[in-house]
Amino acid sequence: MRIAVLVSGNGSNLQALIDANLSGQIIGVLSNKADAYALQRAEETNIATAVISHKDYPNRESFDDAMHQQLLAWQVDLVILAGFMRILTPSFVSKWQGKMLNIHPSLLPCYKGVNTHQRALNTGDRLHGCTVHFVTAELDAGQSIAQSAIQVGLHDSVTSLAQRVHELEHFIYPQVAQWFCTGQLTWQNGQAYFNQKPLERPIQFAQF
């Protein structure tokens, strides 16, 4: 299983994937930002890197096509989004449907989009967490695969929540990636399957 990871920033989830020693191989890390620290993490582990700046393209379609061509050149089986801060076009997503994962810092379907920690605090949620899901053209709307939750404390801030949720991400994202690598997790006809059975609801990891 050949894996490419798309990044834009620090790359802490990339590091968690590298450290997990997946049965699949991370063969490339692609970033839209040349100064993304995630690229350095990849280079230190002898993983190939590529920078494709969205600023070099006149529109999202041509930028996404350039990324698609790089992924084809790497002969990728699985695309993992790890802090990749660009909204993908429906055309790009359709080419990698069922082969592209994302992690979102909320318990989807709650709080799609940005500022998830602040929104959870504003609402007074008792639980908050993260969700790994297949990517579809609609933002943060692909089928959820796994979730992990924490209890929101009385004194939690956006910063403390973000840090605690990051720890959950580093635990569950490599696990889901490994399920895909081993064939436990598959995508068939618009539906996620786990151990050859339709996945009716996201797998819940223990609360932290």
N, C-alpha and C. Protein backbone atom coordinates (compact mmCIF):
# COMPACT_ATOMS: atom_id res chain seq x y z
N MET A 1 0.85 -1.19 0.00
CA MET A 1 0.00 0.00 0.00
C MET A 1 0.89 1.25 0.00
N ARG A 2 0.78 2.04 -1.05
CA ARG A 2 1.60 3.25 -1.20
C ARG A 2 0.77 4.47 -0.77
N ILE A 3 1.30 5.23 0.19
CA ILE A 3 0.56 6.31 0.83
C ILE A 3 1.23 7.65 0.52
N ALA A 4 0.41 8.65 0.19
CA ALA A 4 0.87 10.03 0.10
C ALA A 4 0.13 10.85 1.15
N VAL A 5 0.85 11.76 1.78
CA VAL A 5 0.26 12.61 2.81
C VAL A 5 0.33 14.05 2.32
N LEU A 6 -0.82 14.73 2.35
CA LEU A 6 -0.92 16.13 1.94
C LEU A 6 -0.91 17.01 3.18
N VAL A 7 -0.02 18.02 3.18
CA VAL A 7 0.20 18.84 4.37
C VAL A 7 0.28 20.32 3.99
N SER A 8 0.09 21.18 4.99
CA SER A 8 0.29 22.62 4.80
C SER A 8 1.10 23.25 5.93
N GLY A 9 1.28 22.53 7.03
CA GLY A 9 1.87 23.18 8.20
C GLY A 9 2.86 22.34 8.96
N ASN A 10 2.66 22.27 10.27
CA ASN A 10 3.62 21.66 11.19
C ASN A 10 3.82 20.16 10.97
N GLY A 11 2.75 19.47 10.68
CA GLY A 11 2.86 18.04 10.36
C GLY A 11 2.89 17.11 11.55
N SER A 12 2.21 17.48 12.65
CA SER A 12 2.22 16.59 13.82
C SER A 12 1.48 15.27 13.52
N ASN A 13 0.41 15.34 12.73
CA ASN A 13 -0.26 14.09 12.37
C ASN A 13 0.59 13.26 11.41
N LEU A 14 1.32 13.93 10.52
CA LEU A 14 2.27 13.21 9.67
C LEU A 14 3.28 12.47 10.54
N GLN A 15 3.81 13.14 11.57
CA GLN A 15 4.78 12.50 12.44
C GLN A 15 4.18 11.28 13.13
N ALA A 16 2.93 11.40 13.56
CA ALA A 16 2.27 10.26 14.21
C ALA A 16 2.14 9.09 13.23
N LEU A 17 1.86 9.37 11.98
CA LEU A 17 1.75 8.32 10.96
C LEU A 17 3.11 7.69 10.70
N ILE A 18 4.16 8.50 10.64
CA ILE A 18 5.52 7.97 10.44
C ILE A 18 5.91 7.07 11.61
N ASP A 19 5.65 7.55 12.83
CA ASP A 19 6.05 6.81 14.03
C ASP A 19 5.28 5.51 14.20
N ALA A 20 4.11 5.41 13.56
CA ALA A 20 3.26 4.23 13.74
C ALA A 20 3.78 3.01 12.99
N ASN A 21 4.76 3.20 12.10
CA ASN A 21 5.29 2.07 11.31
C ASN A 21 4.16 1.27 10.66
N LEU A 22 3.37 1.95 9.86
CA LEU A 22 2.25 1.32 9.17
C LEU A 22 2.72 0.19 8.27
N SER A 23 1.83 -0.76 8.03
CA SER A 23 2.19 -1.83 7.10
C SER A 23 2.25 -1.31 5.66
N GLY A 24 1.57 -0.19 5.40
CA GLY A 24 1.76 0.51 4.13
C GLY A 24 2.96 1.43 4.23
N GLN A 25 3.41 1.95 3.09
CA GLN A 25 4.60 2.80 3.06
C GLN A 25 4.23 4.22 2.66
N ILE A 26 4.63 5.19 3.47
CA ILE A 26 4.47 6.59 3.09
C ILE A 26 5.56 6.91 2.08
N ILE A 27 5.18 7.05 0.82
CA ILE A 27 6.17 7.22 -0.24
C ILE A 27 6.33 8.68 -0.66
N GLY A 28 5.43 9.56 -0.21
CA GLY A 28 5.56 10.95 -0.60
C GLY A 28 4.75 11.87 0.30
N VAL A 29 5.29 13.07 0.52
CA VAL A 29 4.59 14.12 1.26
C VAL A 29 4.51 15.34 0.35
N LEU A 30 3.31 15.81 0.12
CA LEU A 30 3.07 16.92 -0.80
C LEU A 30 2.52 18.11 -0.02
N SER A 31 3.08 19.28 -0.27
CA SER A 31 2.63 20.49 0.43
C SER A 31 2.38 21.61 -0.56
N ASN A 32 1.43 22.46 -0.23
CA ASN A 32 1.20 23.67 -1.01
C ASN A 32 2.03 24.84 -0.49
N LYS A 33 2.80 24.60 0.58
CA LYS A 33 3.63 25.65 1.18
C LYS A 33 5.06 25.14 1.33
N ALA A 34 6.00 25.86 0.73
CA ALA A 34 7.39 25.42 0.74
C ALA A 34 8.02 25.46 2.13
N ASP A 35 7.47 26.31 3.03
CA ASP A 35 8.04 26.43 4.37
C ASP A 35 7.34 25.57 5.40
N ALA A 36 6.50 24.66 4.98
CA ALA A 36 5.80 23.78 5.92
C ALA A 36 6.81 22.89 6.64
N TYR A 37 6.77 22.92 7.96
CA TYR A 37 7.71 22.10 8.74
C TYR A 37 7.50 20.61 8.49
N ALA A 38 6.32 20.25 8.06
CA ALA A 38 6.05 18.84 7.74
C ALA A 38 7.01 18.31 6.69
N LEU A 39 7.45 19.15 5.77
CA LEU A 39 8.39 18.71 4.74
C LEU A 39 9.72 18.29 5.36
N GLN A 40 10.14 19.03 6.38
CA GLN A 40 11.38 18.67 7.07
C GLN A 40 11.23 17.34 7.79
N ARG A 41 10.08 17.13 8.39
CA ARG A 41 9.83 15.83 9.05
C ARG A 41 9.98 14.69 8.04
N ALA A 42 9.43 14.89 6.84
CA ALA A 42 9.52 13.84 5.81
C ALA A 42 10.96 13.62 5.38
N GLU A 43 11.67 14.71 5.13
CA GLU A 43 13.05 14.60 4.66
C GLU A 43 13.94 13.90 5.68
N GLU A 44 13.67 14.13 6.95
CA GLU A 44 14.47 13.49 8.00
C GLU A 44 14.24 11.98 8.05
N THR A 45 13.14 11.53 7.44
CA THR A 45 12.82 10.11 7.40
C THR A 45 13.01 9.53 5.99
N ASN A 46 13.68 10.30 5.13
CA ASN A 46 13.96 9.88 3.75
C ASN A 46 12.70 9.59 2.95
N ILE A 47 11.65 10.38 3.18
CA ILE A 47 10.42 10.30 2.40
C ILE A 47 10.47 11.39 1.34
N ALA A 48 10.12 11.05 0.12
CA ALA A 48 10.12 12.01 -0.97
C ALA A 48 9.15 13.15 -0.68
N THR A 49 9.49 14.35 -1.10
CA THR A 49 8.62 15.51 -0.90
C THR A 49 8.39 16.23 -2.23
N ALA A 50 7.29 16.95 -2.29
CA ALA A 50 6.98 17.79 -3.45
C ALA A 50 6.24 19.02 -2.96
N VAL A 51 6.57 20.17 -3.54
CA VAL A 51 5.87 21.41 -3.23
C VAL A 51 5.14 21.87 -4.49
N ILE A 52 3.84 22.00 -4.39
CA ILE A 52 3.02 22.53 -5.47
C ILE A 52 2.24 23.69 -4.89
N SER A 53 2.68 24.90 -5.17
CA SER A 53 2.07 26.09 -4.57
C SER A 53 0.80 26.46 -5.33
N HIS A 54 -0.28 26.63 -4.57
CA HIS A 54 -1.54 27.03 -5.19
C HIS A 54 -1.43 28.42 -5.82
N LYS A 55 -0.45 29.20 -5.37
CA LYS A 55 -0.27 30.55 -5.90
C LYS A 55 0.26 30.55 -7.33
N ASP A 56 0.79 29.40 -7.76
CA ASP A 56 1.36 29.30 -9.11
C ASP A 56 0.33 28.93 -10.17
N TYR A 57 -0.92 28.77 -9.75
CA TYR A 57 -1.96 28.30 -10.68
C TYR A 57 -3.11 29.30 -10.72
N PRO A 58 -3.73 29.45 -11.89
CA PRO A 58 -4.77 30.47 -12.04
C PRO A 58 -6.08 30.13 -11.34
N ASN A 59 -6.31 28.84 -11.06
CA ASN A 59 -7.57 28.45 -10.42
C ASN A 59 -7.38 27.15 -9.66
N ARG A 60 -8.39 26.80 -8.90
CA ARG A 60 -8.33 25.59 -8.08
C ARG A 60 -8.22 24.33 -8.93
N GLU A 61 -8.89 24.35 -10.08
CA GLU A 61 -8.90 23.16 -10.94
C GLU A 61 -7.50 22.81 -11.44
N SER A 62 -6.78 23.82 -11.90
CA SER A 62 -5.44 23.55 -12.43
C SER A 62 -4.47 23.16 -11.31
N PHE A 63 -4.64 23.77 -10.14
CA PHE A 63 -3.82 23.39 -8.99
C PHE A 63 -4.08 21.94 -8.59
N ASP A 64 -5.34 21.58 -8.49
CA ASP A 64 -5.68 20.21 -8.12
C ASP A 64 -5.21 19.20 -9.16
N ASP A 65 -5.25 19.59 -10.43
CA ASP A 65 -4.77 18.69 -11.47
C ASP A 65 -3.27 18.44 -11.34
N ALA A 66 -2.53 19.48 -10.98
CA ALA A 66 -1.09 19.31 -10.76
C ALA A 66 -0.82 18.34 -9.60
N MET A 67 -1.60 18.47 -8.55
CA MET A 67 -1.46 17.52 -7.43
C MET A 67 -1.81 16.12 -7.87
N HIS A 68 -2.88 15.99 -8.64
CA HIS A 68 -3.31 14.68 -9.12
C HIS A 68 -2.20 14.02 -9.93
N GLN A 69 -1.56 14.79 -10.80
CA GLN A 69 -0.49 14.23 -11.62
C GLN A 69 0.69 13.76 -10.77
N GLN A 70 0.99 14.49 -9.70
CA GLN A 70 2.06 14.07 -8.79
C GLN A 70 1.69 12.78 -8.08
N LEU A 71 0.46 12.67 -7.65
CA LEU A 71 0.03 11.45 -6.97
C LEU A 71 0.07 10.25 -7.92
N LEU A 72 -0.30 10.47 -9.17
CA LEU A 72 -0.21 9.40 -10.16
C LEU A 72 1.25 8.99 -10.37
N ALA A 73 2.14 9.97 -10.43
CA ALA A 73 3.56 9.68 -10.62
C ALA A 73 4.12 8.85 -9.47
N TRP A 74 3.58 9.11 -8.28
CA TRP A 74 4.01 8.33 -7.10
C TRP A 74 3.29 6.98 -7.02
N GLN A 75 2.33 6.75 -7.88
CA GLN A 75 1.55 5.49 -7.90
C GLN A 75 0.90 5.23 -6.53
N VAL A 76 0.14 6.22 -6.10
CA VAL A 76 -0.43 6.21 -4.75
C VAL A 76 -1.69 5.35 -4.67
N ASP A 77 -1.82 4.60 -3.57
CA ASP A 77 -3.03 3.82 -3.29
C ASP A 77 -3.95 4.52 -2.29
N LEU A 78 -3.36 5.35 -1.42
CA LEU A 78 -4.12 6.02 -0.36
C LEU A 78 -3.59 7.44 -0.18
N VAL A 79 -4.51 8.40 -0.13
CA VAL A 79 -4.16 9.80 0.13
C VAL A 79 -4.66 10.16 1.52
N ILE A 80 -3.77 10.69 2.35
CA ILE A 80 -4.12 11.09 3.71
C ILE A 80 -3.93 12.60 3.83
N LEU A 81 -5.00 13.30 4.19
CA LEU A 81 -4.93 14.74 4.44
C LEU A 81 -4.55 14.96 5.90
N ALA A 82 -3.45 15.68 6.11
CA ALA A 82 -2.96 15.91 7.48
C ALA A 82 -2.65 17.38 7.64
N GLY A 83 -3.69 18.16 7.93
CA GLY A 83 -3.51 19.60 8.05
C GLY A 83 -3.30 20.25 6.69
N PHE A 84 -3.95 19.73 5.67
CA PHE A 84 -3.87 20.33 4.34
C PHE A 84 -4.97 21.38 4.23
N MET A 85 -4.56 22.65 4.09
CA MET A 85 -5.50 23.76 4.28
C MET A 85 -6.02 24.32 2.94
N ARG A 86 -6.41 23.43 2.06
CA ARG A 86 -7.03 23.85 0.82
C ARG A 86 -8.29 23.02 0.60
N ILE A 87 -9.37 23.68 0.17
CA ILE A 87 -10.59 22.96 -0.17
C ILE A 87 -10.42 22.34 -1.55
N LEU A 88 -10.65 21.05 -1.65
CA LEU A 88 -10.41 20.31 -2.89
C LEU A 88 -11.62 20.41 -3.82
N THR A 89 -11.35 20.41 -5.10
CA THR A 89 -12.44 20.49 -6.08
C THR A 89 -13.16 19.14 -6.18
N PRO A 90 -14.43 19.16 -6.56
CA PRO A 90 -15.17 17.91 -6.75
C PRO A 90 -14.50 16.98 -7.75
N SER A 91 -13.88 17.52 -8.78
CA SER A 91 -13.21 16.70 -9.78
C SER A 91 -12.06 15.92 -9.16
N PHE A 92 -11.24 16.60 -8.36
CA PHE A 92 -10.12 15.93 -7.70
C PHE A 92 -10.62 14.86 -6.74
N VAL A 93 -11.61 15.21 -5.95
CA VAL A 93 -12.14 14.27 -4.95
C VAL A 93 -12.69 13.02 -5.64
N SER A 94 -13.38 13.20 -6.75
CA SER A 94 -13.97 12.05 -7.44
C SER A 94 -12.91 11.06 -7.92
N LYS A 95 -11.73 11.58 -8.27
CA LYS A 95 -10.66 10.71 -8.75
C LYS A 95 -10.06 9.87 -7.64
N TRP A 96 -10.22 10.31 -6.41
CA TRP A 96 -9.64 9.60 -5.26
C TRP A 96 -10.73 9.14 -4.27
N GLN A 97 -11.95 9.08 -4.75
CA GLN A 97 -13.07 8.66 -3.90
C GLN A 97 -12.81 7.28 -3.32
N GLY A 98 -12.97 7.18 -2.01
CA GLY A 98 -12.75 5.90 -1.34
C GLY A 98 -11.29 5.59 -1.09
N LYS A 99 -10.40 6.50 -1.50
CA LYS A 99 -8.96 6.31 -1.29
C LYS A 99 -8.33 7.53 -0.61
N MET A 100 -9.18 8.36 0.00
CA MET A 100 -8.67 9.59 0.62
C MET A 100 -9.33 9.78 1.98
N LEU A 101 -8.48 9.97 2.99
CA LEU A 101 -8.93 10.13 4.37
C LEU A 101 -8.61 11.53 4.88
N ASN A 102 -9.44 12.00 5.81
CA ASN A 102 -9.19 13.26 6.49
C ASN A 102 -9.51 13.09 7.98
N ILE A 103 -8.91 13.92 8.80
CA ILE A 103 -9.27 13.96 10.21
C ILE A 103 -9.75 15.37 10.53
N HIS A 104 -10.86 15.44 11.27
CA HIS A 104 -11.49 16.73 11.56
C HIS A 104 -11.61 16.89 13.06
N PRO A 105 -11.28 18.08 13.60
CA PRO A 105 -11.28 18.27 15.05
C PRO A 105 -12.66 18.58 15.64
N SER A 106 -13.58 17.67 15.42
CA SER A 106 -14.88 17.72 16.10
C SER A 106 -15.52 16.35 15.99
N LEU A 107 -16.59 16.16 16.71
CA LEU A 107 -17.34 14.91 16.61
C LEU A 107 -18.41 15.11 15.53
N LEU A 108 -18.00 14.89 14.30
CA LEU A 108 -18.93 15.08 13.18
C LEU A 108 -20.19 14.24 13.39
N PRO A 109 -21.35 14.74 12.96
CA PRO A 109 -21.55 15.88 12.06
C PRO A 109 -21.57 17.26 12.73
N CYS A 110 -21.23 17.34 14.01
CA CYS A 110 -21.17 18.65 14.66
C CYS A 110 -19.96 19.44 14.18
N TYR A 111 -20.14 20.69 13.95
CA TYR A 111 -19.06 21.65 13.72
C TYR A 111 -18.18 21.32 12.51
N LYS A 112 -18.80 21.22 11.36
CA LYS A 112 -18.02 21.15 10.13
C LYS A 112 -17.32 22.49 9.94
N GLY A 113 -16.21 22.49 9.20
CA GLY A 113 -15.51 23.73 8.93
C GLY A 113 -14.51 24.09 10.01
N VAL A 114 -14.37 25.39 10.27
CA VAL A 114 -13.28 25.88 11.11
C VAL A 114 -13.77 26.29 12.50
N ASN A 115 -12.81 26.64 13.36
CA ASN A 115 -13.08 27.15 14.71
C ASN A 115 -13.90 26.17 15.55
N THR A 116 -13.60 24.89 15.40
CA THR A 116 -14.42 23.87 16.06
C THR A 116 -14.32 23.93 17.58
N HIS A 117 -13.14 24.24 18.12
CA HIS A 117 -12.98 24.24 19.58
C HIS A 117 -13.75 25.39 20.20
N GLN A 118 -13.67 26.56 19.58
CA GLN A 118 -14.42 27.71 20.09
C GLN A 118 -15.91 27.45 20.03
N ARG A 119 -16.36 26.83 18.95
CA ARG A 119 -17.79 26.56 18.80
C ARG A 119 -18.27 25.57 19.84
N ALA A 120 -17.45 24.57 20.14
CA ALA A 120 -17.83 23.60 21.19
C ALA A 120 -17.93 24.28 22.55
N LEU A 121 -17.01 25.19 22.84
CA LEU A 121 -17.06 25.93 24.10
C LEU A 121 -18.27 26.85 24.14
N ASN A 122 -18.54 27.52 23.02
CA ASN A 122 -19.68 28.44 22.98
C ASN A 122 -21.00 27.73 23.25
N THR A 123 -21.08 26.48 22.79
CA THR A 123 -22.32 25.71 22.92
C THR A 123 -22.42 25.04 24.29
N GLY A 124 -21.30 24.98 24.98
CA GLY A 124 -21.31 24.34 26.29
C GLY A 124 -21.31 22.82 26.21
N ASP A 125 -20.69 22.28 25.17
CA ASP A 125 -20.66 20.83 25.00
C ASP A 125 -19.89 20.16 26.14
N ARG A 126 -20.39 19.02 26.57
CA ARG A 126 -19.68 18.23 27.58
C ARG A 126 -18.61 17.36 26.95
N LEU A 127 -18.83 16.95 25.69
CA LEU A 127 -17.86 16.12 24.97
C LEU A 127 -17.39 16.83 23.71
N HIS A 128 -16.13 16.63 23.39
CA HIS A 128 -15.54 17.17 22.17
C HIS A 128 -14.50 16.15 21.70
N GLY A 129 -14.08 16.23 20.45
CA GLY A 129 -13.12 15.24 20.00
C GLY A 129 -12.78 15.39 18.54
N CYS A 130 -12.52 14.26 17.89
CA CYS A 130 -12.12 14.29 16.49
C CYS A 130 -12.71 13.09 15.75
N THR A 131 -12.75 13.22 14.43
CA THR A 131 -13.38 12.22 13.56
C THR A 131 -12.49 11.97 12.35
N VAL A 132 -12.24 10.72 12.05
CA VAL A 132 -11.60 10.35 10.78
C VAL A 132 -12.70 9.95 9.81
N HIS A 133 -12.63 10.51 8.60
CA HIS A 133 -13.69 10.24 7.64
C HIS A 133 -13.14 10.14 6.22
N PHE A 134 -13.89 9.46 5.36
CA PHE A 134 -13.58 9.48 3.94
C PHE A 134 -13.90 10.88 3.40
N VAL A 135 -13.15 11.31 2.41
CA VAL A 135 -13.34 12.64 1.84
C VAL A 135 -14.33 12.57 0.68
N THR A 136 -15.30 13.48 0.71
CA THR A 136 -16.22 13.65 -0.41
C THR A 136 -16.19 15.12 -0.82
N ALA A 137 -16.90 15.44 -1.89
CA ALA A 137 -16.88 16.80 -2.41
C ALA A 137 -17.44 17.81 -1.43
N GLU A 138 -18.39 17.39 -0.59
CA GLU A 138 -18.95 18.29 0.41
C GLU A 138 -18.03 18.34 1.62
N LEU A 139 -17.70 19.53 2.08
CA LEU A 139 -16.71 19.71 3.14
C LEU A 139 -17.10 18.98 4.42
N ASP A 140 -16.19 18.12 4.90
CA ASP A 140 -16.36 17.42 6.18
C ASP A 140 -17.66 16.60 6.24
N ALA A 141 -18.10 16.11 5.10
CA ALA A 141 -19.39 15.39 5.05
C ALA A 141 -19.25 13.94 4.63
N GLY A 142 -18.04 13.48 4.34
CA GLY A 142 -17.86 12.08 3.97
C GLY A 142 -18.13 11.15 5.13
N GLN A 143 -18.35 9.88 4.84
CA GLN A 143 -18.74 8.94 5.89
C GLN A 143 -17.68 8.88 6.99
N SER A 144 -18.12 9.02 8.23
CA SER A 144 -17.22 8.94 9.38
C SER A 144 -16.83 7.50 9.64
N ILE A 145 -15.55 7.30 9.94
CA ILE A 145 -15.02 5.96 10.17
C ILE A 145 -14.79 5.70 11.65
N ALA A 146 -14.15 6.67 12.31
CA ALA A 146 -13.83 6.48 13.73
C ALA A 146 -13.83 7.82 14.43
N GLN A 147 -14.13 7.79 15.73
CA GLN A 147 -14.14 8.99 16.56
C GLN A 147 -13.51 8.70 17.91
N SER A 148 -12.97 9.75 18.51
CA SER A 148 -12.52 9.66 19.89
C SER A 148 -12.89 10.97 20.59
N ALA A 149 -13.27 10.87 21.86
CA ALA A 149 -13.82 12.03 22.56
C ALA A 149 -13.10 12.26 23.87
N ILE A 150 -13.15 13.52 24.31
CA ILE A 150 -12.69 13.91 25.63
C ILE A 150 -13.82 14.67 26.32
N GLN A 151 -13.78 14.70 27.64
CA GLN A 151 -14.72 15.53 28.38
C GLN A 151 -14.19 16.96 28.43
N VAL A 152 -15.06 17.91 28.17
CA VAL A 152 -14.68 19.32 28.22
C VAL A 152 -14.70 19.78 29.67
N GLY A 153 -13.56 20.28 30.12
CA GLY A 153 -13.46 20.73 31.51
C GLY A 153 -13.97 22.14 31.69
N LEU A 154 -14.30 22.48 32.92
CA LEU A 154 -14.81 23.82 33.23
C LEU A 154 -13.81 24.90 32.86
N HIS A 155 -12.54 24.58 32.95
CA HIS A 155 -11.51 25.58 32.73
C HIS A 155 -10.83 25.42 31.37
N ASP A 156 -11.39 24.59 30.51
CA ASP A 156 -10.79 24.42 29.19
C ASP A 156 -10.90 25.71 28.38
N SER A 157 -9.85 25.99 27.61
CA SER A 157 -9.82 27.10 26.67
C SER A 157 -9.69 26.52 25.26
N VAL A 158 -9.75 27.39 24.28
CA VAL A 158 -9.52 26.93 22.91
C VAL A 158 -8.16 26.26 22.80
N THR A 159 -7.15 26.84 23.43
CA THR A 159 -5.79 26.30 23.35
C THR A 159 -5.70 24.93 24.01
N SER A 160 -6.26 24.79 25.20
CA SER A 160 -6.16 23.50 25.90
C SER A 160 -6.98 22.43 25.19
N LEU A 161 -8.14 22.81 24.68
CA LEU A 161 -8.94 21.84 23.93
C LEU A 161 -8.21 21.38 22.68
N ALA A 162 -7.63 22.33 21.95
CA ALA A 162 -6.91 21.99 20.73
C ALA A 162 -5.78 21.01 21.03
N GLN A 163 -5.06 21.26 22.11
CA GLN A 163 -3.94 20.38 22.47
C GLN A 163 -4.44 18.98 22.82
N ARG A 164 -5.51 18.90 23.57
CA ARG A 164 -6.02 17.60 23.98
C ARG A 164 -6.60 16.83 22.79
N VAL A 165 -7.27 17.54 21.90
CA VAL A 165 -7.82 16.88 20.71
C VAL A 165 -6.70 16.41 19.78
N HIS A 166 -5.63 17.18 19.69
CA HIS A 166 -4.48 16.75 18.90
C HIS A 166 -3.95 15.40 19.37
N GLU A 167 -3.92 15.22 20.68
CA GLU A 167 -3.45 13.93 21.22
C GLU A 167 -4.35 12.79 20.77
N LEU A 168 -5.65 13.05 20.72
CA LEU A 168 -6.57 12.02 20.20
C LEU A 168 -6.28 11.74 18.73
N GLU A 169 -6.07 12.80 17.96
CA GLU A 169 -5.80 12.64 16.53
C GLU A 169 -4.59 11.75 16.30
N HIS A 170 -3.54 11.98 17.06
CA HIS A 170 -2.30 11.23 16.88
C HIS A 170 -2.49 9.75 17.22
N PHE A 171 -3.50 9.46 17.98
CA PHE A 171 -3.80 8.06 18.34
C PHE A 171 -4.68 7.38 17.29
N ILE A 172 -5.77 8.04 16.88
CA ILE A 172 -6.73 7.32 16.04
C ILE A 172 -6.40 7.38 14.55
N TYR A 173 -5.71 8.43 14.09
CA TYR A 173 -5.46 8.53 12.65
C TYR A 173 -4.57 7.38 12.15
N PRO A 174 -3.45 7.08 12.82
CA PRO A 174 -2.65 5.94 12.38
C PRO A 174 -3.42 4.62 12.43
N GLN A 175 -4.32 4.49 13.41
CA GLN A 175 -5.09 3.25 13.52
C GLN A 175 -5.98 3.06 12.30
N VAL A 176 -6.69 4.13 11.90
CA VAL A 176 -7.57 4.03 10.74
C VAL A 176 -6.76 3.79 9.47
N ALA A 177 -5.63 4.48 9.35
CA ALA A 177 -4.77 4.26 8.18
C ALA A 177 -4.32 2.80 8.10
N GLN A 178 -4.00 2.23 9.24
CA GLN A 178 -3.57 0.82 9.27
C GLN A 178 -4.71 -0.10 8.85
N TRP A 179 -5.93 0.21 9.28
CA TRP A 179 -7.08 -0.61 8.85
C TRP A 179 -7.21 -0.59 7.33
N PHE A 180 -6.98 0.58 6.73
CA PHE A 180 -7.06 0.66 5.27
C PHE A 180 -5.94 -0.16 4.64
N CYS A 181 -4.74 -0.06 5.19
CA CYS A 181 -3.59 -0.77 4.63
C CYS A 181 -3.78 -2.28 4.68
N THR A 182 -4.42 -2.77 5.72
CA THR A 182 -4.59 -4.22 5.88
C THR A 182 -5.85 -4.75 5.21
N GLY A 183 -6.68 -3.86 4.67
CA GLY A 183 -7.90 -4.29 4.02
C GLY A 183 -9.08 -4.46 4.95
N GLN A 184 -8.90 -4.16 6.24
CA GLN A 184 -10.04 -4.20 7.15
C GLN A 184 -11.07 -3.13 6.81
N LEU A 185 -10.56 -1.97 6.38
CA LEU A 185 -11.40 -0.85 5.99
C LEU A 185 -11.39 -0.72 4.48
N THR A 186 -12.56 -0.76 3.87
CA THR A 186 -12.67 -0.62 2.42
C THR A 186 -13.83 0.32 2.08
N TRP A 187 -13.88 0.70 0.82
CA TRP A 187 -14.94 1.57 0.30
C TRP A 187 -15.53 0.89 -0.92
N GLN A 188 -16.81 0.62 -0.88
CA GLN A 188 -17.46 -0.06 -1.99
C GLN A 188 -18.79 0.62 -2.29
N ASN A 189 -18.92 1.08 -3.53
CA ASN A 189 -20.20 1.66 -4.00
C ASN A 189 -20.72 2.74 -3.07
N GLY A 190 -19.84 3.64 -2.66
CA GLY A 190 -20.26 4.77 -1.84
C GLY A 190 -20.50 4.45 -0.38
N GLN A 191 -19.98 3.33 0.11
CA GLN A 191 -20.22 2.89 1.48
C GLN A 191 -18.92 2.35 2.07
N ALA A 192 -18.64 2.73 3.32
CA ALA A 192 -17.49 2.19 4.04
C ALA A 192 -17.84 0.81 4.59
N TYR A 193 -16.88 -0.11 4.49
CA TYR A 193 -17.02 -1.44 5.06
C TYR A 193 -15.88 -1.68 6.04
N PHE A 194 -16.20 -2.32 7.16
CA PHE A 194 -15.19 -2.69 8.14
C PHE A 194 -15.32 -4.19 8.41
N ASN A 195 -14.22 -4.90 8.21
CA ASN A 195 -14.24 -6.37 8.31
C ASN A 195 -15.35 -6.96 7.44
N GLN A 196 -15.47 -6.41 6.23
CA GLN A 196 -16.38 -6.91 5.19
C GLN A 196 -17.86 -6.67 5.50
N LYS A 197 -18.15 -5.87 6.50
CA LYS A 197 -19.54 -5.54 6.83
C LYS A 197 -19.73 -4.02 6.70
N PRO A 198 -20.91 -3.59 6.22
CA PRO A 198 -21.15 -2.15 6.13
C PRO A 198 -20.94 -1.47 7.48
N LEU A 199 -20.23 -0.35 7.45
CA LEU A 199 -19.98 0.41 8.68
C LEU A 199 -21.18 1.32 8.91
N GLU A 200 -22.01 0.96 9.87
CA GLU A 200 -23.26 1.67 10.10
C GLU A 200 -23.06 2.97 10.87
N ARG A 201 -22.07 2.99 11.76
CA ARG A 201 -21.79 4.18 12.57
C ARG A 201 -20.29 4.20 12.86
N PRO A 202 -19.73 5.37 13.14
CA PRO A 202 -18.30 5.43 13.38
C PRO A 202 -17.86 4.59 14.58
N ILE A 203 -16.70 3.97 14.45
CA ILE A 203 -16.14 3.21 15.54
C ILE A 203 -15.69 4.19 16.62
N GLN A 204 -16.11 3.92 17.86
CA GLN A 204 -15.82 4.83 18.95
C GLN A 204 -14.63 4.30 19.77
N PHE A 205 -13.58 5.10 19.86
CA PHE A 205 -12.49 4.78 20.74
C PHE A 205 -12.84 5.26 22.14
N ALA A 206 -12.20 4.69 23.13
CA ALA A 206 -12.49 5.05 24.52
C ALA A 206 -12.28 6.53 24.74
N GLN A 207 -13.11 7.11 25.59
CA GLN A 207 -12.96 8.52 25.94
C GLN A 207 -11.69 8.72 26.79
N PHE A 208 -11.09 9.88 26.64
CA PHE A 208 -9.88 10.19 27.39
C PHE A 208 -10.16 11.29 28.41
